[in-house]
N, C-alpha and C. Protein backbone atom coordinates (compact mmCIF):
# COMPACT_ATOMS: atom_id res chain seq x y z
N MET A 1 12.16 -2.27 17.77
CA MET A 1 13.69 -2.64 17.94
C MET A 1 14.53 -1.18 18.28
N VAL A 2 15.40 -1.23 18.93
CA VAL A 2 16.40 -0.06 19.42
C VAL A 2 17.65 -0.29 19.09
N LEU A 3 18.28 0.15 18.08
CA LEU A 3 19.89 0.14 17.71
C LEU A 3 20.30 1.44 18.53
N VAL A 4 21.56 1.14 19.16
CA VAL A 4 22.03 2.48 19.47
C VAL A 4 23.57 2.81 18.89
N LEU A 5 23.49 3.91 18.35
CA LEU A 5 24.86 4.16 17.77
C LEU A 5 25.80 5.18 18.53
N LYS A 6 26.94 4.87 18.89
CA LYS A 6 27.63 5.77 19.95
C LYS A 6 28.70 6.48 19.11
N LYS A 7 28.56 7.68 19.62
CA LYS A 7 29.60 8.78 18.72
C LYS A 7 31.16 7.68 18.74
N GLY A 8 31.62 7.93 17.98
CA GLY A 8 33.31 7.42 17.63
C GLY A 8 32.95 5.88 17.36
N ALA A 9 31.79 5.54 16.72
CA ALA A 9 31.87 3.79 16.62
C ALA A 9 32.61 3.80 15.43
N SER A 10 33.22 2.48 15.46
CA SER A 10 34.05 2.07 14.17
C SER A 10 33.46 1.70 12.85
N LYS A 11 33.82 1.69 11.87
CA LYS A 11 33.15 1.03 10.76
C LYS A 11 32.53 -0.55 10.93
N LYS A 12 33.23 -0.83 11.27
CA LYS A 12 32.57 -2.21 11.66
C LYS A 12 31.46 -2.50 12.31
N GLU A 13 31.35 -1.51 13.54
CA GLU A 13 30.18 -1.53 14.28
C GLU A 13 28.99 -0.72 13.69
N ILE A 14 29.45 0.16 12.57
CA ILE A 14 28.31 0.90 11.84
C ILE A 14 27.90 -0.09 10.90
N ASP A 15 28.67 -1.12 10.49
CA ASP A 15 28.09 -1.92 9.67
C ASP A 15 26.96 -2.76 9.94
N ALA A 16 27.98 -3.40 11.40
CA ALA A 16 26.89 -4.59 11.91
C ALA A 16 25.74 -4.05 12.17
N ILE A 17 25.38 -2.43 12.69
CA ILE A 17 24.21 -2.14 12.73
C ILE A 17 23.01 -1.87 11.81
N GLU A 18 23.82 -1.55 10.31
CA GLU A 18 23.05 -1.44 8.93
C GLU A 18 22.75 -2.99 8.73
N LYS A 19 23.10 -3.73 8.86
CA LYS A 19 22.74 -5.38 8.78
C LYS A 19 21.53 -5.60 9.60
N LYS A 20 21.55 -5.28 10.32
CA LYS A 20 20.27 -5.56 11.64
C LYS A 20 19.08 -4.74 11.09
N LEU A 21 19.57 -3.56 10.76
CA LEU A 21 18.50 -2.64 10.15
C LEU A 21 17.47 -3.08 8.98
N TYR A 22 18.50 -3.53 8.23
CA TYR A 22 18.07 -3.75 7.07
C TYR A 22 18.12 -5.61 6.60
N LYS A 23 17.95 -5.97 7.78
CA LYS A 23 17.70 -7.78 7.71
C LYS A 23 16.44 -8.21 7.51
N LYS A 24 15.26 -7.23 7.70
CA LYS A 24 13.97 -7.77 7.78
C LYS A 24 13.27 -7.16 6.46
N LYS A 25 12.55 -8.17 5.93
CA LYS A 25 12.16 -8.18 4.21
C LYS A 25 11.09 -7.07 4.20
N PRO A 26 10.94 -6.32 3.47
CA PRO A 26 9.67 -5.44 3.30
C PRO A 26 8.27 -6.29 3.06
N SER A 27 7.40 -6.00 3.46
CA SER A 27 5.83 -6.57 3.45
C SER A 27 5.96 -6.82 1.84
N LYS A 28 4.89 -7.88 1.39
CA LYS A 28 4.53 -7.91 0.07
C LYS A 28 3.49 -6.91 -0.31
N GLY A 29 2.73 -6.27 0.66
CA GLY A 29 1.66 -5.57 0.41
C GLY A 29 0.37 -6.38 -0.67
N PHE A 30 -0.65 -5.68 -1.05
CA PHE A 30 -1.58 -6.56 -1.40
C PHE A 30 -1.45 -6.50 -3.05
N ASN A 31 -1.84 -7.43 -3.45
CA ASN A 31 -1.78 -8.24 -4.65
C ASN A 31 -2.99 -8.14 -5.36
N ALA A 32 -3.60 -6.76 -6.17
CA ALA A 32 -4.90 -6.83 -6.65
C ALA A 32 -5.16 -7.79 -7.86
N LYS A 33 -4.15 -7.76 -8.39
CA LYS A 33 -3.63 -8.38 -9.86
C LYS A 33 -4.74 -9.82 -9.66
N LYS A 34 -4.89 -10.61 -8.47
CA LYS A 34 -5.36 -11.90 -8.27
C LYS A 34 -7.04 -11.57 -8.02
N TYR A 35 -7.51 -10.83 -8.24
CA TYR A 35 -9.12 -10.19 -8.31
C TYR A 35 -9.30 -9.63 -9.89
N ASN A 36 -8.65 -9.85 -10.74
CA ASN A 36 -9.14 -8.96 -12.14
C ASN A 36 -9.87 -10.08 -12.59
N GLY A 37 -10.92 -9.82 -13.05
CA GLY A 37 -11.62 -10.55 -13.88
C GLY A 37 -12.78 -11.21 -13.17
N ILE A 38 -12.93 -10.71 -11.74
CA ILE A 38 -13.96 -11.29 -10.57
C ILE A 38 -15.56 -10.82 -10.70
N LEU A 39 -15.47 -9.42 -10.83
CA LEU A 39 -16.61 -8.99 -10.80
C LEU A 39 -16.96 -8.84 -12.51
N LYS A 40 -18.25 -9.43 -12.45
CA LYS A 40 -18.88 -9.41 -13.91
C LYS A 40 -19.80 -8.34 -13.92
N LEU A 41 -19.75 -7.30 -14.84
CA LEU A 41 -20.69 -6.47 -14.76
C LEU A 41 -21.94 -6.61 -15.93
N LYS A 42 -23.13 -6.12 -16.09
CA LYS A 42 -24.06 -6.22 -16.97
C LYS A 42 -24.06 -4.47 -17.62
N GLU A 43 -23.31 -3.72 -16.99
CA GLU A 43 -23.15 -2.33 -17.41
C GLU A 43 -21.87 -1.54 -17.59
N ASP A 44 -21.67 -0.73 -18.25
CA ASP A 44 -20.47 -0.05 -18.32
C ASP A 44 -20.06 0.52 -17.13
N PRO A 45 -18.71 0.20 -16.46
CA PRO A 45 -18.16 0.94 -15.43
C PRO A 45 -18.51 2.17 -15.32
N LEU A 46 -17.89 3.10 -16.71
CA LEU A 46 -17.95 4.37 -16.53
C LEU A 46 -19.49 4.86 -16.35
N ALA A 47 -20.51 4.45 -16.71
CA ALA A 47 -22.23 4.67 -16.97
C ALA A 47 -22.19 4.47 -15.37
N ILE A 48 -22.02 3.48 -14.52
CA ILE A 48 -22.23 2.97 -12.97
C ILE A 48 -21.75 4.35 -12.34
N GLN A 49 -20.21 4.54 -12.64
CA GLN A 49 -19.60 6.02 -11.99
C GLN A 49 -20.57 6.89 -11.76
N LYS A 50 -20.95 7.50 -13.06
CA LYS A 50 -21.48 8.67 -13.28
C LYS A 50 -22.58 8.76 -12.57
N ARG A 51 -23.55 7.60 -12.81
CA ARG A 51 -25.01 7.49 -11.86
C ARG A 51 -24.98 7.67 -10.31
N LEU A 52 -23.56 7.11 -9.69
CA LEU A 52 -23.22 7.36 -8.42
C LEU A 52 -23.01 8.36 -8.05
N ARG A 53 -22.17 9.40 -9.12
CA ARG A 53 -22.09 10.41 -8.71
C ARG A 53 -23.13 11.33 -9.02
N ASP A 54 -23.98 11.44 -9.34
CA ASP A 54 -24.97 12.45 -9.61
C ASP A 54 -25.65 12.08 -9.12
N GLU A 55 -25.93 11.06 -7.84
CA GLU A 55 -27.26 10.79 -6.96
C GLU A 55 -27.52 12.20 -5.92
N TRP A 56 -26.50 12.49 -5.80
CA TRP A 56 -26.86 13.96 -4.89
C TRP A 56 -27.23 15.19 -5.43
N GLU A 57 -27.46 15.16 -6.85
CA GLU A 57 -27.87 16.09 -7.34
C GLU A 57 -29.41 15.59 -7.82
N ARG A 58 -30.19 14.84 -7.89
CA ARG A 58 -30.98 14.31 -8.41
C ARG A 58 -31.96 14.67 -6.96
N ASP A 59 -33.33 15.14 -7.75
CA ASP A 59 -34.47 15.44 -6.44
C ASP A 59 -35.49 14.28 -6.37
N PHE A 60 -35.79 13.62 -5.19
CA PHE A 60 -36.13 12.54 -4.67
C PHE A 60 -37.78 12.78 -4.25
N SER A 61 -37.96 13.99 -4.10
CA SER A 61 -39.39 14.44 -3.39
C SER A 61 -40.16 14.36 -4.64
């Protein structure tokens, strides 16, 4: 969308352009709360994270 504001525009014209600019509602975004409690783990999440981060230090030979 292109809105043109010319030099010397009246207050009424500026208000009309602002209304057009802010008319659009912001997007709702991602609702992460709907996924709370979905994943059931048998191990402590911190232990899993530590194990995954330490994988590159292990010697697999």
